[in-house]
Structure formats: C-alpha cells, structure tokens
C-alpha cells in the first residue's frame, strides 16, 4: 500500500527535510574523509552532543543570517561535530571541516 505523504506540501516541512538531508550528507562526507565507519561505537555519543550543540547554536545563527540555507546549517553542524571528534582525540584531515569564521565565532561565544 503506497500512502501519500500528507506533509509533503507543507513548505516548512520541506525546508526542514532539506536541512536534515544536508546534515546527513555532510556528516557522511566528513566520516568518509576521516576514515570513521558509521558503526563506530563512539559516534553515538558524539552525534548526540553535536546535535545538542547544533540545536543550541542554530537559532542564534539564524537570527544573524548565518545558517538560513541547508548547506549553511550543515556547516554549523559539522563544526559542532568536528569539535567533538577532535576533543575525543581524532585527527581530522586538512579541509575536512568548513571554514566559516562567523559560524566558528558563534560557537566560540556559546562555549
């Protein structure tokens, strides 16, 4: 039985789905570049903390016009996740994280 998605026409739902898709794609690329496997047991805690940090920082980023597009939100999430990965002792390859000084500064202020 193929049921239609009753929320597919809602622009806010479509926008959030685009954000989630961008976050997932960005994370997958970061994990691939860093050599981490998706089933690494350490990732669960890091992802949870990164999500919490992202959810705390995203409203400020939005109010400052810094993360209104899905790709910008993904950059913010990657910066949150990257901080946790490096704090956990992982070495990320050069250029693995986005270089967005305004987002990095926002996270510094929130820390």
PDB file of N, CA and C in Angstrom:
ATOM      1  N   UNK A   1       0.848  -1.179   0.000  1.00  0.00           N
ATOM      2  CA  UNK A   1       0.000   0.000   0.000  1.00  0.00           C
ATOM      3  C   UNK A   1       0.888   1.235   0.000  1.00  0.00           C
ATOM      4  N   UNK A   2       0.730   2.051  -0.970  1.00  0.00           N
ATOM      5  CA  UNK A   2       1.527   3.266  -1.098  1.00  0.00           C
ATOM      6  C   UNK A   2       0.693   4.437  -0.587  1.00  0.00           C
ATOM      7  N   UNK A   3       1.079   4.958   0.565  1.00  0.00           N
ATOM      8  CA  UNK A   3       0.340   6.055   1.169  1.00  0.00           C
ATOM      9  C   UNK A   3       1.042   7.371   0.862  1.00  0.00           C
ATOM     10  N   UNK A   4       0.282   8.367   0.450  1.00  0.00           N
ATOM     11  CA  UNK A   4       0.842   9.680   0.148  1.00  0.00           C
ATOM     12  C   UNK A   4       1.309  10.348   1.443  1.00  0.00           C
ATOM     13  N   UNK A   5       2.337  11.136   1.330  1.00  0.00           N
ATOM     14  CA  UNK A   5       2.875  11.873   2.477  1.00  0.00           C
ATOM     15  C   UNK A   5       2.007  13.108   2.692  1.00  0.00           C
ATOM     16  N   UNK A   6       1.237  13.154   3.786  1.00  0.00           N
ATOM     17  CA  UNK A   6       0.325  14.288   3.986  1.00  0.00           C
ATOM     18  C   UNK A   6       1.055  15.598   4.274  1.00  0.00           C
ATOM     19  N   UNK A   7       2.347  15.533   4.613  1.00  0.00           N
ATOM     20  CA  UNK A   7       3.089  16.742   4.954  1.00  0.00           C
ATOM     21  C   UNK A   7       3.945  17.267   3.800  1.00  0.00           C
ATOM     22  N   UNK A   8       3.999  16.533   2.707  1.00  0.00           N
ATOM     23  CA  UNK A   8       4.893  16.890   1.610  1.00  0.00           C
ATOM     24  C   UNK A   8       4.619  18.261   1.013  1.00  0.00           C
ATOM     25  N   UNK A   9       3.408  18.731   1.102  1.00  0.00           N
ATOM     26  CA  UNK A   9       3.070  20.031   0.511  1.00  0.00           C
ATOM     27  C   UNK A   9       3.389  21.201   1.436  1.00  0.00           C
ATOM     28  N   UNK A  10       3.650  20.933   2.682  1.00  0.00           N
ATOM     29  CA  UNK A  10       3.918  21.994   3.661  1.00  0.00           C
ATOM     30  C   UNK A  10       5.331  22.545   3.437  1.00  0.00           C
ATOM     31  N   UNK A  11       5.463  23.833   3.114  1.00  0.00           N
ATOM     32  CA  UNK A  11       6.787  24.407   2.837  1.00  0.00           C
ATOM     33  C   UNK A  11       7.755  24.314   4.021  1.00  0.00           C
ATOM     34  N   UNK A  12       7.254  24.441   5.227  1.00  0.00           N
ATOM     35  CA  UNK A  12       8.156  24.358   6.380  1.00  0.00           C
ATOM     36  C   UNK A  12       8.670  22.931   6.577  1.00  0.00           C
ATOM     37  N   UNK A  13       7.836  21.953   6.298  1.00  0.00           N
ATOM     38  CA  UNK A  13       8.269  20.559   6.388  1.00  0.00           C
ATOM     39  C   UNK A  13       9.301  20.268   5.307  1.00  0.00           C
ATOM     40  N   UNK A  14       9.044  20.744   4.106  1.00  0.00           N
ATOM     41  CA  UNK A  14      10.013  20.548   3.009  1.00  0.00           C
ATOM     42  C   UNK A  14      11.340  21.203   3.350  1.00  0.00           C
ATOM     43  N   UNK A  15      11.295  22.393   3.946  1.00  0.00           N
ATOM     44  CA  UNK A  15      12.529  23.094   4.310  1.00  0.00           C
ATOM     45  C   UNK A  15      13.311  22.312   5.365  1.00  0.00           C
ATOM     46  N   UNK A  16      12.622  21.798   6.363  1.00  0.00           N
ATOM     47  CA  UNK A  16      13.310  21.035   7.406  1.00  0.00           C
ATOM     48  C   UNK A  16      13.869  19.729   6.855  1.00  0.00           C
ATOM     49  N   UNK A  17      13.141  19.101   5.963  1.00  0.00           N
ATOM     50  CA  UNK A  17      13.652  17.869   5.345  1.00  0.00           C
ATOM     51  C   UNK A  17      14.918  18.166   4.541  1.00  0.00           C
ATOM     52  N   UNK A  18      14.954  19.303   3.887  1.00  0.00           N
ATOM     53  CA  UNK A  18      16.157  19.680   3.143  1.00  0.00           C
ATOM     54  C   UNK A  18      17.324  19.902   4.097  1.00  0.00           C
ATOM     55  N   UNK A  19      17.063  20.506   5.243  1.00  0.00           N
ATOM     56  CA  UNK A  19      18.113  20.719   6.242  1.00  0.00           C
ATOM     57  C   UNK A  19      18.627  19.373   6.743  1.00  0.00           C
ATOM     58  N   UNK A  20      17.715  18.474   7.111  1.00  0.00           N
ATOM     59  CA  UNK A  20      18.136  17.170   7.613  1.00  0.00           C
ATOM     60  C   UNK A  20      18.937  16.401   6.561  1.00  0.00           C
ATOM     61  N   UNK A  21      18.514  16.470   5.317  1.00  0.00           N
ATOM     62  CA  UNK A  21      19.244  15.787   4.245  1.00  0.00           C
ATOM     63  C   UNK A  21      20.649  16.373   4.097  1.00  0.00           C
ATOM     64  N   UNK A  22      20.772  17.691   4.203  1.00  0.00           N
ATOM     65  CA  UNK A  22      22.084  18.327   4.093  1.00  0.00           C
ATOM     66  C   UNK A  22      22.978  17.930   5.262  1.00  0.00           C
ATOM     67  N   UNK A  23      22.414  17.866   6.469  1.00  0.00           N
ATOM     68  CA  UNK A  23      23.192  17.454   7.639  1.00  0.00           C
ATOM     69  C   UNK A  23      23.688  16.018   7.481  1.00  0.00           C
ATOM     70  N   UNK A  24      22.807  15.129   7.042  1.00  0.00           N
ATOM     71  CA  UNK A  24      23.187  13.730   6.863  1.00  0.00           C
ATOM     72  C   UNK A  24      24.266  13.569   5.797  1.00  0.00           C
ATOM     73  N   UNK A  25      24.116  14.274   4.683  1.00  0.00           N
ATOM     74  CA  UNK A  25      25.109  14.176   3.605  1.00  0.00           C
ATOM     75  C   UNK A  25      26.458  14.731   4.055  1.00  0.00           C
ATOM     76  N   UNK A  26      26.429  15.861   4.757  1.00  0.00           N
ATOM     77  CA  UNK A  26      27.679  16.466   5.225  1.00  0.00           C
ATOM     78  C   UNK A  26      28.373  15.558   6.228  1.00  0.00           C
ATOM     79  N   UNK A  27      27.607  14.969   7.133  1.00  0.00           N
ATOM     80  CA  UNK A  27      28.203  14.062   8.114  1.00  0.00           C
ATOM     81  C   UNK A  27      28.812  12.842   7.431  1.00  0.00           C
ATOM     82  N   UNK A  28      28.101  12.278   6.482  1.00  0.00           N
ATOM     83  CA  UNK A  28      28.603  11.107   5.755  1.00  0.00           C
ATOM     84  C   UNK A  28      29.912  11.435   5.046  1.00  0.00           C
ATOM     85  N   UNK A  29      29.989  12.618   4.453  1.00  0.00           N
ATOM     86  CA  UNK A  29      31.226  13.012   3.775  1.00  0.00           C
ATOM     87  C   UNK A  29      32.364  13.184   4.785  1.00  0.00           C
ATOM     88  N   UNK A  30      32.081  13.820   5.908  1.00  0.00           N
ATOM     89  CA  UNK A  30      33.107  14.004   6.937  1.00  0.00           C
ATOM     90  C   UNK A  30      33.599  12.655   7.453  1.00  0.00           C
ATOM     91  N   UNK A  31      32.684  11.745   7.733  1.00  0.00           N
ATOM     92  CA  UNK A  31      33.081  10.431   8.228  1.00  0.00           C
ATOM     93  C   UNK A  31      33.925   9.694   7.195  1.00  0.00           C
ATOM     94  N   UNK A  32      33.514   9.784   5.945  1.00  0.00           N
ATOM     95  CA  UNK A  32      34.285   9.144   4.883  1.00  0.00           C
ATOM     96  C   UNK A  32      35.685   9.713   4.749  1.00  0.00           C
ATOM     97  N   UNK A  33      35.791  11.023   4.830  1.00  0.00           N
ATOM     98  CA  UNK A  33      37.108  11.669   4.705  1.00  0.00           C
ATOM     99  C   UNK A  33      38.002  11.391   5.898  1.00  0.00           C
ATOM    100  N   UNK A  34      37.384  11.178   7.064  1.00  0.00           N
ATOM    101  CA  UNK A  34      38.180  10.972   8.266  1.00  0.00           C
ATOM    102  C   UNK A  34      38.484   9.503   8.526  1.00  0.00           C
ATOM    103  N   UNK A  35      37.889   8.614   7.745  1.00  0.00           N
ATOM    104  CA  UNK A  35      38.146   7.197   7.911  1.00  0.00           C
ATOM    105  C   UNK A  35      37.302   6.539   8.991  1.00  0.00           C
ATOM    106  N   UNK A  36      36.373   7.277   9.570  1.00  0.00           N
ATOM    107  CA  UNK A  36      35.483   6.699  10.580  1.00  0.00           C
ATOM    108  C   UNK A  36      34.403   5.877   9.900  1.00  0.00           C
ATOM    109  N   UNK A  37      34.052   4.779  10.498  1.00  0.00           N
ATOM    110  CA  UNK A  37      32.963   3.949  10.000  1.00  0.00           C
ATOM    111  C   UNK A  37      31.672   4.375  10.686  1.00  0.00           C
ATOM    112  N   UNK A  38      30.582   4.310   9.977  1.00  0.00           N
ATOM    113  CA  UNK A  38      29.292   4.748  10.502  1.00  0.00           C
ATOM    114  C   UNK A  38      28.880   3.964  11.738  1.00  0.00           C
ATOM    115  N   UNK A  39      29.410   2.769  11.915  1.00  0.00           N
ATOM    116  CA  UNK A  39      29.033   1.942  13.061  1.00  0.00           C
ATOM    117  C   UNK A  39      30.033   2.043  14.215  1.00  0.00           C
ATOM    118  N   UNK A  40      30.989   2.953  14.133  1.00  0.00           N
ATOM    119  CA  UNK A  40      31.943   3.167  15.230  1.00  0.00           C
ATOM    120  C   UNK A  40      31.139   3.493  16.498  1.00  0.00           C
ATOM    121  N   UNK A  41      31.329   2.740  17.570  1.00  0.00           N
ATOM    122  CA  UNK A  41      30.511   2.936  18.770  1.00  0.00           C
ATOM    123  C   UNK A  41      30.675   4.310  19.429  1.00  0.00           C
ATOM    124  N   UNK A  42      31.774   4.976  19.180  1.00  0.00           N
ATOM    125  CA  UNK A  42      31.990   6.306  19.758  1.00  0.00           C
ATOM    126  C   UNK A  42      31.093   7.361  19.120  1.00  0.00           C
ATOM    127  N   UNK A  43      30.651   7.102  17.910  1.00  0.00           N
ATOM    128  CA  UNK A  43      29.870   8.102  17.176  1.00  0.00           C
ATOM    129  C   UNK A  43      28.533   8.415  17.815  1.00  0.00           C
ATOM    130  N   UNK A  44      27.941   7.477  18.475  1.00  0.00           N
ATOM    131  CA  UNK A  44      26.614   7.728  19.057  1.00  0.00           C
ATOM    132  C   UNK A  44      26.654   8.906  20.025  1.00  0.00           C
ATOM    133  N   UNK A  45      27.596   8.878  20.946  1.00  0.00           N
ATOM    134  CA  UNK A  45      27.709   9.963  21.928  1.00  0.00           C
ATOM    135  C   UNK A  45      28.116  11.266  21.252  1.00  0.00           C
ATOM    136  N   UNK A  46      29.044  11.204  20.309  1.00  0.00           N
ATOM    137  CA  UNK A  46      29.484  12.417  19.617  1.00  0.00           C
ATOM    138  C   UNK A  46      28.340  13.035  18.812  1.00  0.00           C
ATOM    139  N   UNK A  47      27.574  12.199  18.136  1.00  0.00           N
ATOM    140  CA  UNK A  47      26.438  12.712  17.358  1.00  0.00           C
ATOM    141  C   UNK A  47      25.398  13.365  18.268  1.00  0.00           C
ATOM    142  N   UNK A  48      25.128  12.735  19.395  1.00  0.00           N
ATOM    143  CA  UNK A  48      24.146  13.290  20.332  1.00  0.00           C
ATOM    144  C   UNK A  48      24.599  14.664  20.829  1.00  0.00           C
ATOM    145  N   UNK A  49      25.862  14.751  21.228  1.00  0.00           N
ATOM    146  CA  UNK A  49      26.385  16.028  21.728  1.00  0.00           C
ATOM    147  C   UNK A  49      26.445  17.068  20.621  1.00  0.00           C
ATOM    148  N   UNK A  50      26.792  16.640  19.413  1.00  0.00           N
ATOM    149  CA  UNK A  50      26.839  17.570  18.277  1.00  0.00           C
ATOM    150  C   UNK A  50      25.443  18.087  17.962  1.00  0.00           C
ATOM    151  N   UNK A  51      24.453  17.192  18.027  1.00  0.00           N
ATOM    152  CA  UNK A  51      23.076  17.617  17.786  1.00  0.00           C
ATOM    153  C   UNK A  51      22.630  18.622  18.837  1.00  0.00           C
ATOM    154  N   UNK A  52      22.970  18.356  20.097  1.00  0.00           N
ATOM    155  CA  UNK A  52      22.606  19.279  21.168  1.00  0.00           C
ATOM    156  C   UNK A  52      23.254  20.653  20.956  1.00  0.00           C
ATOM    157  N   UNK A  53      24.541  20.645  20.597  1.00  0.00           N
ATOM    158  CA  UNK A  53      25.252  21.909  20.358  1.00  0.00           C
ATOM    159  C   UNK A  53      24.668  22.637  19.154  1.00  0.00           C
ATOM    160  N   UNK A  54      24.359  21.881  18.095  1.00  0.00           N
ATOM    161  CA  UNK A  54      23.758  22.466  16.907  1.00  0.00           C
ATOM    162  C   UNK A  54      22.414  23.104  17.245  1.00  0.00           C
ATOM    163  N   UNK A  55      21.564  22.375  17.976  1.00  0.00           N
ATOM    164  CA  UNK A  55      20.246  22.891  18.327  1.00  0.00           C
ATOM    165  C   UNK A  55      20.339  24.133  19.213  1.00  0.00           C
ATOM    166  N   UNK A  56      21.380  24.218  20.012  1.00  0.00           N
ATOM    167  CA  UNK A  56      21.569  25.403  20.851  1.00  0.00           C
ATOM    168  C   UNK A  56      22.064  26.596  20.036  1.00  0.00           C
ATOM    169  N   UNK A  57      22.899  26.341  19.037  1.00  0.00           N
ATOM    170  CA  UNK A  57      23.522  27.424  18.264  1.00  0.00           C
ATOM    171  C   UNK A  57      22.702  27.864  17.058  1.00  0.00           C
ATOM    172  N   UNK A  58      21.904  26.975  16.505  1.00  0.00           N
ATOM    173  CA  UNK A  58      21.210  27.282  15.262  1.00  0.00           C
ATOM    174  C   UNK A  58      20.284  28.490  15.361  1.00  0.00           C
ATOM    175  N   UNK A  59      19.491  28.656  16.422  1.00  0.00           N
ATOM    176  CA  UNK A  59      18.641  29.858  16.487  1.00  0.00           C
ATOM    177  C   UNK A  59      19.447  31.157  16.432  1.00  0.00           C
ATOM    178  N   UNK A  60      20.587  31.200  17.105  1.00  0.00           N
ATOM    179  CA  UNK A  60      21.436  32.401  17.044  1.00  0.00           C
ATOM    180  C   UNK A  60      21.979  32.608  15.640  1.00  0.00           C
ATOM    181  N   UNK A  61      22.396  31.511  15.021  1.00  0.00           N
ATOM    182  CA  UNK A  61      22.914  31.616  13.653  1.00  0.00           C
ATOM    183  C   UNK A  61      21.830  32.122  12.710  1.00  0.00           C
ATOM    184  N   UNK A  62      20.620  31.606  12.860  1.00  0.00           N
ATOM    185  CA  UNK A  62      19.514  32.057  12.015  1.00  0.00           C
ATOM    186  C   UNK A  62      19.225  33.541  12.223  1.00  0.00           C
ATOM    187  N   UNK A  63      19.215  33.969  13.478  1.00  0.00           N
ATOM    188  CA  UNK A  63      18.912  35.375  13.759  1.00  0.00           C
ATOM    189  C   UNK A  63      19.982  36.310  13.207  1.00  0.00           C
ATOM    190  N   UNK A  64      21.191  35.786  13.032  1.00  0.00           N
ATOM    191  CA  UNK A  64      22.281  36.586  12.472  1.00  0.00           C
ATOM    192  C   UNK A  64      22.411  36.390  10.960  1.00  0.00           C
ATOM    193  N   UNK A  65      21.505  35.605  10.388  1.00  0.00           N
ATOM    194  CA  UNK A  65      21.527  35.369   8.945  1.00  0.00           C
ATOM    195  C   UNK A  65      22.649  34.459   8.495  1.00  0.00           C
ATOM    196  N   UNK A  66      23.149  33.609   9.397  1.00  0.00           N
ATOM    197  CA  UNK A  66      24.330  32.796   9.088  1.00  0.00           C
ATOM    198  C   UNK A  66      24.019  31.382   8.613  1.00  0.00           C
ATOM    199  N   UNK A  67      22.842  30.860   8.911  1.00  0.00           N
ATOM    200  CA  UNK A  67      22.575  29.456   8.577  1.00  0.00           C
ATOM    201  C   UNK A  67      21.156  29.280   8.062  1.00  0.00           C
ATOM    202  N   UNK A  68      20.797  30.074   7.101  1.00  0.00           N
ATOM    203  CA  UNK A  68      19.428  30.007   6.579  1.00  0.00           C
ATOM    204  C   UNK A  68      19.261  28.979   5.471  1.00  0.00           C
ATOM    205  N   UNK A  69      20.326  28.631   4.815  1.00  0.00           N
ATOM    206  CA  UNK A  69      20.269  27.628   3.751  1.00  0.00           C
ATOM    207  C   UNK A  69      20.691  26.271   4.321  1.00  0.00           C
ATOM    208  N   UNK A  70      20.182  25.180   3.755  1.00  0.00           N
ATOM    209  CA  UNK A  70      20.546  23.860   4.272  1.00  0.00           C
ATOM    210  C   UNK A  70      22.055  23.623   4.339  1.00  0.00           C
ATOM    211  N   UNK A  71      22.784  24.095   3.338  1.00  0.00           N
ATOM    212  CA  UNK A  71      24.232  23.892   3.323  1.00  0.00           C
ATOM    213  C   UNK A  71      24.911  24.669   4.455  1.00  0.00           C
ATOM    214  N   UNK A  72      24.371  25.821   4.787  1.00  0.00           N
ATOM    215  CA  UNK A  72      24.928  26.615   5.886  1.00  0.00           C
ATOM    216  C   UNK A  72      24.637  25.948   7.227  1.00  0.00           C
ATOM    217  N   UNK A  73      23.443  25.391   7.371  1.00  0.00           N
ATOM    218  CA  UNK A  73      23.105  24.659   8.589  1.00  0.00           C
ATOM    219  C   UNK A  73      24.008  23.434   8.722  1.00  0.00           C
ATOM    220  N   UNK A  74      24.267  22.771   7.608  1.00  0.00           N
ATOM    221  CA  UNK A  74      25.164  21.614   7.631  1.00  0.00           C
ATOM    222  C   UNK A  74      26.576  22.022   8.056  1.00  0.00           C
ATOM    223  N   UNK A  75      27.028  23.189   7.615  1.00  0.00           N
ATOM    224  CA  UNK A  75      28.355  23.669   8.019  1.00  0.00           C
ATOM    225  C   UNK A  75      28.399  23.880   9.532  1.00  0.00           C
ATOM    226  N   UNK A  76      27.339  24.442  10.084  1.00  0.00           N
ATOM    227  CA  UNK A  76      27.276  24.639  11.531  1.00  0.00           C
ATOM    228  C   UNK A  76      27.318  23.299  12.250  1.00  0.00           C
ATOM    229  N   UNK A  77      26.553  22.341  11.778  1.00  0.00           N
ATOM    230  CA  UNK A  77      26.555  21.013  12.392  1.00  0.00           C
ATOM    231  C   UNK A  77      27.935  20.373  12.310  1.00  0.00           C
ATOM    232  N   UNK A  78      28.579  20.477  11.154  1.00  0.00           N
ATOM    233  CA  UNK A  78      29.914  19.882  11.011  1.00  0.00           C
ATOM    234  C   UNK A  78      30.920  20.521  11.956  1.00  0.00           C
ATOM    235  N   UNK A  79      30.808  21.817  12.159  1.00  0.00           N
ATOM    236  CA  UNK A  79      31.704  22.469  13.103  1.00  0.00           C
ATOM    237  C   UNK A  79      31.458  21.942  14.519  1.00  0.00           C
ATOM    238  N   UNK A  80      30.201  21.730  14.874  1.00  0.00           N
ATOM    239  CA  UNK A  80      29.872  21.166  16.186  1.00  0.00           C
ATOM    240  C   UNK A  80      30.438  19.747  16.310  1.00  0.00           C
ATOM    241  N   UNK A  81      30.201  18.930  15.311  1.00  0.00           N
ATOM    242  CA  UNK A  81      30.674  17.547  15.339  1.00  0.00           C
ATOM    243  C   UNK A  81      32.200  17.494  15.303  1.00  0.00           C
ATOM    244  N   UNK A  82      32.798  18.330  14.473  1.00  0.00           N
ATOM    245  CA  UNK A  82      34.256  18.348  14.368  1.00  0.00           C
ATOM    246  C   UNK A  82      34.931  18.680  15.686  1.00  0.00           C
ATOM    247  N   UNK A  83      34.366  19.612  16.436  1.00  0.00           N
ATOM    248  CA  UNK A  83      34.912  19.954  17.749  1.00  0.00           C
ATOM    249  C   UNK A  83      34.914  18.736  18.665  1.00  0.00           C
ATOM    250  N   UNK A  84      33.829  17.995  18.633  1.00  0.00           N
ATOM    251  CA  UNK A  84      33.723  16.820  19.495  1.00  0.00           C
ATOM    252  C   UNK A  84      34.661  15.709  19.053  1.00  0.00           C
ATOM    253  N   UNK A  85      34.789  15.529  17.759  1.00  0.00           N
ATOM    254  CA  UNK A  85      35.693  14.493  17.262  1.00  0.00           C
ATOM    255  C   UNK A  85      37.135  14.800  17.647  1.00  0.00           C
ATOM    256  N   UNK A  86      37.548  16.038  17.464  1.00  0.00           N
ATOM    257  CA  UNK A  86      38.923  16.386  17.815  1.00  0.00           C
ATOM    258  C   UNK A  86      39.136  16.371  19.328  1.00  0.00           C
ATOM    259  N   UNK A  87      38.117  16.782  20.091  1.00  0.00           N
ATOM    260  CA  UNK A  87      38.223  16.716  21.554  1.00  0.00           C
ATOM    261  C   UNK A  87      38.310  15.262  22.005  1.00  0.00           C
ATOM    262  N   UNK A  88      37.734  14.361  21.216  1.00  0.00           N
ATOM    263  CA  UNK A  88      37.789  12.934  21.517  1.00  0.00           C
ATOM    264  C   UNK A  88      39.076  12.267  21.066  1.00  0.00           C
ATOM    265  N   UNK A  89      39.995  13.064  20.521  1.00  0.00           N
ATOM    266  CA  UNK A  89      41.296  12.532  20.147  1.00  0.00           C
ATOM    267  C   UNK A  89      41.453  12.153  18.690  1.00  0.00           C
ATOM    268  N   UNK A  90      40.464  12.411  17.877  1.00  0.00           N
ATOM    269  CA  UNK A  90      40.590  12.094  16.456  1.00  0.00           C
ATOM    270  C   UNK A  90      41.273  13.238  15.722  1.00  0.00           C
ATOM    271  N   UNK A  91      42.038  12.873  14.744  1.00  0.00           N
ATOM    272  CA  UNK A  91      42.690  13.853  13.894  1.00  0.00           C
ATOM    273  C   UNK A  91      41.930  13.892  12.571  1.00  0.00           C
ATOM    274  N   UNK A  92      41.388  15.044  12.255  1.00  0.00           N
ATOM    275  CA  UNK A  92      40.636  15.190  11.009  1.00  0.00           C
ATOM    276  C   UNK A  92      41.557  15.668   9.899  1.00  0.00           C
ATOM    277  N   UNK A  93      41.333  15.198   8.683  1.00  0.00           N
ATOM    278  CA  UNK A  93      42.181  15.632   7.573  1.00  0.00           C
ATOM    279  C   UNK A  93      42.007  17.122   7.279  1.00  0.00           C
ATOM    280  N   UNK A  94      43.051  17.704   6.749  1.00  0.00           N
ATOM    281  CA  UNK A  94      43.027  19.113   6.361  1.00  0.00           C
ATOM    282  C   UNK A  94      41.848  19.364   5.430  1.00  0.00           C
ATOM    283  N   UNK A  95      41.098  20.408   5.730  1.00  0.00           N
ATOM    284  CA  UNK A  95      39.972  20.789   4.897  1.00  0.00           C
ATOM    285  C   UNK A  95      38.713  19.971   5.119  1.00  0.00           C
ATOM    286  N   UNK A  96      38.706  19.107   6.120  1.00  0.00           N
ATOM    287  CA  UNK A  96      37.522  18.265   6.364  1.00  0.00           C
ATOM    288  C   UNK A  96      36.362  19.073   6.915  1.00  0.00           C
ATOM    289  N   UNK A  97      36.677  20.142   7.636  1.00  0.00           N
ATOM    290  CA  UNK A  97      35.635  20.980   8.215  1.00  0.00           C
ATOM    291  C   UNK A  97      35.494  22.265   7.412  1.00  0.00           C
ATOM    292  N   UNK A  98      34.277  22.775   7.340  1.00  0.00           N
ATOM    293  CA  UNK A  98      34.068  24.027   6.609  1.00  0.00           C
ATOM    294  C   UNK A  98      34.771  25.185   7.312  1.00  0.00           C
ATOM    295  N   UNK A  99      35.230  26.120   6.529  1.00  0.00           N
ATOM    296  CA  UNK A  99      35.865  27.310   7.089  1.00  0.00           C
ATOM    297  C   UNK A  99      34.885  28.468   6.960  1.00  0.00           C
ATOM    298  N   UNK A 100      34.127  28.661   8.029  1.00  0.00           N
ATOM    299  CA  UNK A 100      33.138  29.734   8.085  1.00  0.00           C
ATOM    300  C   UNK A 100      33.401  30.482   9.386  1.00  0.00           C
ATOM    301  N   UNK A 101      34.257  31.504   9.323  1.00  0.00           N
ATOM    302  CA  UNK A 101      34.657  32.200  10.548  1.00  0.00           C
ATOM    303  C   UNK A 101      33.495  32.701  11.396  1.00  0.00           C
ATOM    304  N   UNK A 102      32.430  33.176  10.773  1.00  0.00           N
ATOM    305  CA  UNK A 102      31.292  33.697  11.541  1.00  0.00           C
ATOM    306  C   UNK A 102      30.627  32.583  12.351  1.00  0.00           C
ATOM    307  N   UNK A 103      30.502  31.404  11.766  1.00  0.00           N
ATOM    308  CA  UNK A 103      29.909  30.283  12.499  1.00  0.00           C
ATOM    309  C   UNK A 103      30.845  29.802  13.603  1.00  0.00           C
ATOM    310  N   UNK A 104      32.127  29.755  13.320  1.00  0.00           N
ATOM    311  CA  UNK A 104      33.098  29.342  14.338  1.00  0.00           C
ATOM    312  C   UNK A 104      33.075  30.319  15.519  1.00  0.00           C
ATOM    313  N   UNK A 105      32.982  31.605  15.218  1.00  0.00           N
ATOM    314  CA  UNK A 105      32.927  32.620  16.264  1.00  0.00           C
ATOM    315  C   UNK A 105      31.654  32.468  17.091  1.00  0.00           C
ATOM    316  N   UNK A 106      30.562  32.171  16.434  1.00  0.00           N
ATOM    317  CA  UNK A 106      29.302  31.954  17.135  1.00  0.00           C
ATOM    318  C   UNK A 106      29.425  30.794  18.108  1.00  0.00           C
ATOM    319  N   UNK A 107      30.064  29.725  17.689  1.00  0.00           N
ATOM    320  CA  UNK A 107      30.253  28.581  18.572  1.00  0.00           C
ATOM    321  C   UNK A 107      31.203  28.907  19.713  1.00  0.00           C
ATOM    322  N   UNK A 108      32.218  29.709  19.429  1.00  0.00           N
ATOM    323  CA  UNK A 108      33.150  30.114  20.493  1.00  0.00           C
ATOM    324  C   UNK A 108      32.419  30.902  21.575  1.00  0.00           C
ATOM    325  N   UNK A 109      31.529  31.786  21.152  1.00  0.00           N
ATOM    326  CA  UNK A 109      30.769  32.587  22.116  1.00  0.00           C
ATOM    327  C   UNK A 109      29.853  31.716  22.955  1.00  0.00           C
ATOM    328  N   UNK A 110      29.328  30.681  22.352  1.00  0.00           N
ATOM    329  CA  UNK A 110      28.404  29.798  23.060  1.00  0.00           C
ATOM    330  C   UNK A 110      29.073  28.810  23.980  1.00  0.00           C
ATOM    331  N   UNK A 111      30.372  28.626  23.822  1.00  0.00           N
ATOM    332  CA  UNK A 111      31.091  27.640  24.645  1.00  0.00           C
ATOM    333  C   UNK A 111      31.320  28.123  26.044  1.00  0.00           C
TER     334      UNK A 111
END
